[in-house]
């Protein structure tokens, strides 16, 4: 019994010399406290991570751990971007984050067209320039829109079907031109000015 008590006392003294914290203390970390070691002390729940019960419900924590029962690991510097300290110096990072302290952000597949990968609400996300959008900044933005089945293929540039032209695919194409001041209003369809009519406004109506 004496040998066991002496061993516990030696362990406690060694822990103090190597730098530890009182898990149940309200005093600021680093302030010297009178050391009282009770061989009959009981800690319930027990001290964790090699902590030593020095007084009833008071744990002496080993370096790198803190809390009432030494249950919390302490990472210095702290884990960033929502990372969790698993053990001293070891962080568990959220998906898309890496590095020793979760300081590195990695977007799956990368960010295209000048996008920047950053942590947003603890998740890796691409922040795109104003001319691009999408999860990887892979979709071009056409502020004017692309009408009549057109698609935006580059910032401000629409790819149009054969029957439409213009920056927004808004100009209809008539394979046969509209005559006599007629206007192409939809593919191969002319809107004629009076007194003309016909598919290409080629006929003049007799008004008398």
C-alpha atoms as a PDB file:
ATOM      1  CA  UNK A   1       0.000   0.000   0.000  1.00  0.00           C
ATOM      2  CA  UNK A   2       2.898   2.316   0.853  1.00  0.00           C
ATOM      3  CA  UNK A   3       4.649   1.579  -2.418  1.00  0.00           C
ATOM      4  CA  UNK A   4       1.458   2.345  -4.409  1.00  0.00           C
ATOM      5  CA  UNK A   5       0.903   5.649  -2.584  1.00  0.00           C
ATOM      6  CA  UNK A   6       4.552   6.617  -3.031  1.00  0.00           C
ATOM      7  CA  UNK A   7       4.326   5.864  -6.750  1.00  0.00           C
ATOM      8  CA  UNK A   8       1.238   8.023  -7.145  1.00  0.00           C
ATOM      9  CA  UNK A   9       2.933  10.863  -5.289  1.00  0.00           C
ATOM     10  CA  UNK A  10       5.990  10.615  -7.539  1.00  0.00           C
ATOM     11  CA  UNK A  11       3.786  10.645 -10.637  1.00  0.00           C
ATOM     12  CA  UNK A  12       1.989  13.734  -9.436  1.00  0.00           C
ATOM     13  CA  UNK A  13       5.230  15.568  -8.684  1.00  0.00           C
ATOM     14  CA  UNK A  14       6.677  14.647 -12.093  1.00  0.00           C
ATOM     15  CA  UNK A  15       3.506  15.874 -13.781  1.00  0.00           C
ATOM     16  CA  UNK A  16       3.845  19.210 -12.025  1.00  0.00           C
ATOM     17  CA  UNK A  17       7.473  19.545 -13.065  1.00  0.00           C
ATOM     18  CA  UNK A  18       6.732  18.806 -16.732  1.00  0.00           C
ATOM     19  CA  UNK A  19       3.814  21.260 -16.917  1.00  0.00           C
ATOM     20  CA  UNK A  20       0.190  20.306 -16.215  1.00  0.00           C
ATOM     21  CA  UNK A  21      -3.130  21.930 -15.351  1.00  0.00           C
ATOM     22  CA  UNK A  22      -5.725  21.339 -12.676  1.00  0.00           C
ATOM     23  CA  UNK A  23      -8.767  20.035 -14.528  1.00  0.00           C
ATOM     24  CA  UNK A  24     -11.241  21.193 -11.897  1.00  0.00           C
ATOM     25  CA  UNK A  25      -9.648  24.528 -11.093  1.00  0.00           C
ATOM     26  CA  UNK A  26     -11.281  27.877 -11.866  1.00  0.00           C
ATOM     27  CA  UNK A  27      -7.948  29.686 -11.623  1.00  0.00           C
ATOM     28  CA  UNK A  28      -6.307  31.087 -14.772  1.00  0.00           C
ATOM     29  CA  UNK A  29      -3.959  28.714 -16.572  1.00  0.00           C
ATOM     30  CA  UNK A  30      -0.350  29.224 -15.548  1.00  0.00           C
ATOM     31  CA  UNK A  31      -1.037  30.593 -12.024  1.00  0.00           C
ATOM     32  CA  UNK A  32       0.823  28.715  -9.297  1.00  0.00           C
ATOM     33  CA  UNK A  33      -1.479  26.918  -6.864  1.00  0.00           C
ATOM     34  CA  UNK A  34      -0.690  25.220  -3.551  1.00  0.00           C
ATOM     35  CA  UNK A  35      -0.306  21.529  -4.355  1.00  0.00           C
ATOM     36  CA  UNK A  36      -2.275  19.236  -2.052  1.00  0.00           C
ATOM     37  CA  UNK A  37      -2.194  15.543  -2.888  1.00  0.00           C
ATOM     38  CA  UNK A  38      -4.723  13.282  -1.158  1.00  0.00           C
ATOM     39  CA  UNK A  39      -3.831   9.612  -1.433  1.00  0.00           C
ATOM     40  CA  UNK A  40      -7.449   8.663  -0.703  1.00  0.00           C
ATOM     41  CA  UNK A  41      -8.987  11.132  -3.175  1.00  0.00           C
ATOM     42  CA  UNK A  42     -11.823   9.874  -5.374  1.00  0.00           C
ATOM     43  CA  UNK A  43     -12.661  11.291  -8.799  1.00  0.00           C
ATOM     44  CA  UNK A  44     -15.947  10.131 -10.284  1.00  0.00           C
ATOM     45  CA  UNK A  45     -15.992  10.087 -13.253  1.00  0.00           C
ATOM     46  CA  UNK A  46     -12.310   9.158 -13.249  1.00  0.00           C
ATOM     47  CA  UNK A  47      -9.547  11.322 -14.695  1.00  0.00           C
ATOM     48  CA  UNK A  48      -8.811  10.601 -18.353  1.00  0.00           C
ATOM     49  CA  UNK A  49      -5.743  10.695 -20.572  1.00  0.00           C
ATOM     50  CA  UNK A  50      -3.254   9.858 -17.795  1.00  0.00           C
ATOM     51  CA  UNK A  51      -4.681  12.527 -15.480  1.00  0.00           C
ATOM     52  CA  UNK A  52      -4.155  12.012 -11.724  1.00  0.00           C
ATOM     53  CA  UNK A  53      -6.821  12.398  -9.036  1.00  0.00           C
ATOM     54  CA  UNK A  54      -5.141  14.627  -6.420  1.00  0.00           C
ATOM     55  CA  UNK A  55      -8.218  15.667  -4.433  1.00  0.00           C
ATOM     56  CA  UNK A  56     -11.848  14.594  -4.444  1.00  0.00           C
ATOM     57  CA  UNK A  57     -13.287  15.470  -7.883  1.00  0.00           C
ATOM     58  CA  UNK A  58     -10.086  17.293  -8.856  1.00  0.00           C
ATOM     59  CA  UNK A  59      -7.850  15.996 -11.615  1.00  0.00           C
ATOM     60  CA  UNK A  60      -4.273  16.940 -12.375  1.00  0.00           C
ATOM     61  CA  UNK A  61      -4.089  16.808 -16.187  1.00  0.00           C
ATOM     62  CA  UNK A  62      -1.090  15.784 -18.226  1.00  0.00           C
ATOM     63  CA  UNK A  63       0.309  18.226 -20.766  1.00  0.00           C
ATOM     64  CA  UNK A  64      -2.002  18.777 -23.718  1.00  0.00           C
ATOM     65  CA  UNK A  65      -5.276  17.977 -21.918  1.00  0.00           C
ATOM     66  CA  UNK A  66      -7.765  20.038 -19.926  1.00  0.00           C
ATOM     67  CA  UNK A  67     -11.280  19.930 -18.492  1.00  0.00           C
ATOM     68  CA  UNK A  68     -12.839  18.657 -15.264  1.00  0.00           C
ATOM     69  CA  UNK A  69     -11.742  15.097 -16.018  1.00  0.00           C
ATOM     70  CA  UNK A  70      -8.969  15.970 -18.507  1.00  0.00           C
ATOM     71  CA  UNK A  71     -11.398  14.964 -21.256  1.00  0.00           C
ATOM     72  CA  UNK A  72     -10.490  17.701 -23.727  1.00  0.00           C
ATOM     73  CA  UNK A  73      -7.405  17.676 -25.901  1.00  0.00           C
ATOM     74  CA  UNK A  74      -5.709  21.023 -26.398  1.00  0.00           C
ATOM     75  CA  UNK A  75      -4.217  21.934 -29.806  1.00  0.00           C
ATOM     76  CA  UNK A  76      -1.844  24.890 -30.038  1.00  0.00           C
ATOM     77  CA  UNK A  77      -2.340  26.700 -32.282  1.00  0.00           C
ATOM     78  CA  UNK A  78      -6.081  26.054 -32.252  1.00  0.00           C
ATOM     79  CA  UNK A  79      -7.764  24.021 -35.004  1.00  0.00           C
ATOM     80  CA  UNK A  80      -9.149  26.381 -37.657  1.00  0.00           C
ATOM     81  CA  UNK A  81     -12.292  26.384 -39.799  1.00  0.00           C
ATOM     82  CA  UNK A  82     -14.326  24.231 -37.407  1.00  0.00           C
ATOM     83  CA  UNK A  83     -11.670  21.547 -36.933  1.00  0.00           C
ATOM     84  CA  UNK A  84     -11.840  19.360 -33.809  1.00  0.00           C
ATOM     85  CA  UNK A  85      -8.812  18.682 -31.603  1.00  0.00           C
ATOM     86  CA  UNK A  86      -8.571  14.873 -31.260  1.00  0.00           C
ATOM     87  CA  UNK A  87      -5.348  14.777 -29.297  1.00  0.00           C
ATOM     88  CA  UNK A  88      -2.583  17.308 -28.602  1.00  0.00           C
ATOM     89  CA  UNK A  89      -1.393  18.667 -31.946  1.00  0.00           C
ATOM     90  CA  UNK A  90      -3.848  16.566 -34.004  1.00  0.00           C
ATOM     91  CA  UNK A  91      -6.939  18.160 -35.586  1.00  0.00           C
ATOM     92  CA  UNK A  92      -9.837  16.415 -37.332  1.00  0.00           C
ATOM     93  CA  UNK A  93     -10.919  18.631 -40.216  1.00  0.00           C
ATOM     94  CA  UNK A  94     -14.348  19.045 -41.877  1.00  0.00           C
ATOM     95  CA  UNK A  95     -14.701  17.726 -45.460  1.00  0.00           C
ATOM     96  CA  UNK A  96     -12.753  19.794 -47.961  1.00  0.00           C
ATOM     97  CA  UNK A  97     -10.323  21.144 -45.355  1.00  0.00           C
ATOM     98  CA  UNK A  98      -6.841  19.912 -44.610  1.00  0.00           C
ATOM     99  CA  UNK A  99      -3.464  20.766 -43.132  1.00  0.00           C
ATOM    100  CA  UNK A 100      -2.187  20.143 -39.615  1.00  0.00           C
ATOM    101  CA  UNK A 101      -4.565  22.727 -38.181  1.00  0.00           C
ATOM    102  CA  UNK A 102      -7.290  22.617 -40.893  1.00  0.00           C
ATOM    103  CA  UNK A 103      -5.861  25.817 -42.349  1.00  0.00           C
ATOM    104  CA  UNK A 104      -5.890  24.543 -45.944  1.00  0.00           C
ATOM    105  CA  UNK A 105      -9.046  24.583 -48.057  1.00  0.00           C
ATOM    106  CA  UNK A 106      -9.428  22.163 -50.991  1.00  0.00           C
ATOM    107  CA  UNK A 107     -12.436  22.177 -53.350  1.00  0.00           C
ATOM    108  CA  UNK A 108     -13.151  18.847 -55.029  1.00  0.00           C
ATOM    109  CA  UNK A 109     -12.161  19.219 -58.683  1.00  0.00           C
ATOM    110  CA  UNK A 110     -10.723  22.681 -58.106  1.00  0.00           C
ATOM    111  CA  UNK A 111     -12.171  26.073 -59.038  1.00  0.00           C
ATOM    112  CA  UNK A 112     -12.157  27.048 -62.724  1.00  0.00           C
ATOM    113  CA  UNK A 113     -11.926  30.351 -64.545  1.00  0.00           C
ATOM    114  CA  UNK A 114     -10.290  32.298 -61.745  1.00  0.00           C
ATOM    115  CA  UNK A 115     -12.511  31.019 -58.922  1.00  0.00           C
ATOM    116  CA  UNK A 116     -11.116  30.942 -55.386  1.00  0.00           C
ATOM    117  CA  UNK A 117     -11.596  28.054 -52.962  1.00  0.00           C
ATOM    118  CA  UNK A 118     -12.544  29.292 -49.482  1.00  0.00           C
ATOM    119  CA  UNK A 119     -14.266  27.946 -46.362  1.00  0.00           C
ATOM    120  CA  UNK A 120     -17.901  29.075 -46.159  1.00  0.00           C
ATOM    121  CA  UNK A 121     -19.944  27.856 -43.160  1.00  0.00           C
ATOM    122  CA  UNK A 122     -17.266  25.224 -42.499  1.00  0.00           C
ATOM    123  CA  UNK A 123     -17.468  23.876 -46.062  1.00  0.00           C
ATOM    124  CA  UNK A 124     -15.108  24.294 -48.994  1.00  0.00           C
ATOM    125  CA  UNK A 125     -16.715  26.393 -51.720  1.00  0.00           C
ATOM    126  CA  UNK A 126     -15.653  28.147 -54.915  1.00  0.00           C
ATOM    127  CA  UNK A 127     -16.127  31.912 -54.976  1.00  0.00           C
ATOM    128  CA  UNK A 128     -16.479  32.873 -58.643  1.00  0.00           C
ATOM    129  CA  UNK A 129     -15.734  36.060 -60.591  1.00  0.00           C
ATOM    130  CA  UNK A 130     -18.853  37.965 -61.654  1.00  0.00           C
ATOM    131  CA  UNK A 131     -18.680  36.526 -65.194  1.00  0.00           C
ATOM    132  CA  UNK A 132     -18.798  32.882 -64.060  1.00  0.00           C
ATOM    133  CA  UNK A 133     -21.056  30.772 -61.852  1.00  0.00           C
ATOM    134  CA  UNK A 134     -21.630  27.130 -60.858  1.00  0.00           C
ATOM    135  CA  UNK A 135     -20.124  24.891 -58.170  1.00  0.00           C
ATOM    136  CA  UNK A 136     -16.725  25.044 -59.908  1.00  0.00           C
ATOM    137  CA  UNK A 137     -17.209  28.391 -61.705  1.00  0.00           C
ATOM    138  CA  UNK A 138     -17.679  26.389 -64.899  1.00  0.00           C
ATOM    139  CA  UNK A 139     -20.763  28.181 -66.224  1.00  0.00           C
ATOM    140  CA  UNK A 140     -20.404  31.463 -68.091  1.00  0.00           C
ATOM    141  CA  UNK A 141     -22.739  34.354 -67.288  1.00  0.00           C
ATOM    142  CA  UNK A 142     -24.502  36.293 -70.073  1.00  0.00           C
ATOM    143  CA  UNK A 143     -26.133  39.342 -68.434  1.00  0.00           C
ATOM    144  CA  UNK A 144     -28.306  39.941 -71.504  1.00  0.00           C
ATOM    145  CA  UNK A 145     -29.613  36.380 -71.461  1.00  0.00           C
ATOM    146  CA  UNK A 146     -29.726  33.935 -74.362  1.00  0.00           C
ATOM    147  CA  UNK A 147     -33.167  33.669 -75.968  1.00  0.00           C
ATOM    148  CA  UNK A 148     -34.812  31.212 -78.377  1.00  0.00           C
ATOM    149  CA  UNK A 149     -32.775  28.170 -77.396  1.00  0.00           C
ATOM    150  CA  UNK A 150     -29.402  29.905 -77.271  1.00  0.00           C
ATOM    151  CA  UNK A 151     -26.770  28.968 -74.684  1.00  0.00           C
ATOM    152  CA  UNK A 152     -24.139  31.061 -72.913  1.00  0.00           C
ATOM    153  CA  UNK A 153     -20.723  29.710 -73.930  1.00  0.00           C
ATOM    154  CA  UNK A 154     -18.488  32.539 -72.677  1.00  0.00           C
ATOM    155  CA  UNK A 155     -19.047  35.665 -70.593  1.00  0.00           C
ATOM    156  CA  UNK A 156     -21.528  37.788 -72.552  1.00  0.00           C
ATOM    157  CA  UNK A 157     -21.458  35.500 -75.613  1.00  0.00           C
ATOM    158  CA  UNK A 158     -24.414  33.337 -76.699  1.00  0.00           C
ATOM    159  CA  UNK A 159     -24.263  30.393 -79.060  1.00  0.00           C
ATOM    160  CA  UNK A 160     -27.467  30.589 -81.149  1.00  0.00           C
ATOM    161  CA  UNK A 161     -29.442  28.043 -83.216  1.00  0.00           C
ATOM    162  CA  UNK A 162     -29.157  28.436 -87.005  1.00  0.00           C
ATOM    163  CA  UNK A 163     -32.451  30.311 -87.213  1.00  0.00           C
ATOM    164  CA  UNK A 164     -31.477  33.075 -84.761  1.00  0.00           C
ATOM    165  CA  UNK A 165     -28.726  35.703 -84.545  1.00  0.00           C
ATOM    166  CA  UNK A 166     -27.645  38.552 -82.265  1.00  0.00           C
ATOM    167  CA  UNK A 167     -25.969  38.923 -78.910  1.00  0.00           C
ATOM    168  CA  UNK A 168     -28.998  37.420 -77.172  1.00  0.00           C
ATOM    169  CA  UNK A 169     -30.178  35.191 -80.064  1.00  0.00           C
ATOM    170  CA  UNK A 170     -33.065  37.622 -80.509  1.00  0.00           C
ATOM    171  CA  UNK A 171     -32.848  38.295 -84.251  1.00  0.00           C
ATOM    172  CA  UNK A 172     -34.749  35.824 -86.446  1.00  0.00           C
ATOM    173  CA  UNK A 173     -33.204  34.509 -89.664  1.00  0.00           C
ATOM    174  CA  UNK A 174     -35.225  34.283 -92.886  1.00  0.00           C
ATOM    175  CA  UNK A 175     -33.378  32.229 -95.491  1.00  0.00           C
ATOM    176  CA  UNK A 176     -35.196  34.175 -98.176  1.00  0.00           C
ATOM    177  CA  UNK A 177     -35.015  37.892 -97.405  1.00  0.00           C
ATOM    178  CA  UNK A 178     -38.127  39.936 -96.690  1.00  0.00           C
ATOM    179  CA  UNK A 179     -38.808  42.401 -99.536  1.00  0.00           C
ATOM    180  CA  UNK A 180     -40.393  45.828 -99.782  1.00  0.00           C
ATOM    181  CA  UNK A 181     -39.617  46.890 -96.203  1.00  0.00           C
ATOM    182  CA  UNK A 182     -40.846  43.632 -94.639  1.00  0.00           C
ATOM    183  CA  UNK A 183     -39.287  42.447 -91.371  1.00  0.00           C
ATOM    184  CA  UNK A 184     -38.212  38.922 -90.382  1.00  0.00           C
ATOM    185  CA  UNK A 185     -40.047  38.330 -87.081  1.00  0.00           C
ATOM    186  CA  UNK A 186     -39.491  34.597 -86.672  1.00  0.00           C
ATOM    187  CA  UNK A 187     -37.545  31.982 -88.631  1.00  0.00           C
ATOM    188  CA  UNK A 188     -38.561  32.200 -92.309  1.00  0.00           C
ATOM    189  CA  UNK A 189     -41.563  34.388 -91.496  1.00  0.00           C
ATOM    190  CA  UNK A 190     -41.874  37.977 -92.710  1.00  0.00           C
ATOM    191  CA  UNK A 191     -44.111  40.708 -91.390  1.00  0.00           C
ATOM    192  CA  UNK A 192     -45.058  42.840 -94.361  1.00  0.00           C
ATOM    193  CA  UNK A 193     -45.786  46.524 -94.689  1.00  0.00           C
ATOM    194  CA  UNK A 194     -48.934  47.606 -96.419  1.00  0.00           C
ATOM    195  CA  UNK A 195     -49.760  47.190 -99.267  1.00  0.00           C
ATOM    196  CA  UNK A 196     -47.424  44.167 -99.599  1.00  0.00           C
ATOM    197  CA  UNK A 197     -48.081  40.531 -98.741  1.00  0.00           C
ATOM    198  CA  UNK A 198     -46.792  37.050 -99.459  1.00  0.00           C
ATOM    199  CA  UNK A 199     -44.086  34.847 -97.814  1.00  0.00           C
ATOM    200  CA  UNK A 200     -41.378  37.432 -98.625  1.00  0.00           C
ATOM    201  CA  UNK A 201     -43.720  40.423 -99.006  1.00  0.00           C
ATOM    202  CA  UNK A 202     -43.255  40.132-102.738  1.00  0.00           C
ATOM    203  CA  UNK A 203     -46.873  40.792-103.702  1.00  0.00           C
ATOM    204  CA  UNK A 204     -48.423  44.213-103.884  1.00  0.00           C
ATOM    205  CA  UNK A 205     -52.095  44.447-103.045  1.00  0.00           C
ATOM    206  CA  UNK A 206     -54.304  46.373-105.422  1.00  0.00           C
ATOM    207  CA  UNK A 207     -55.946  48.994-103.218  1.00  0.00           C
ATOM    208  CA  UNK A 208     -58.456  50.146-105.944  1.00  0.00           C
END
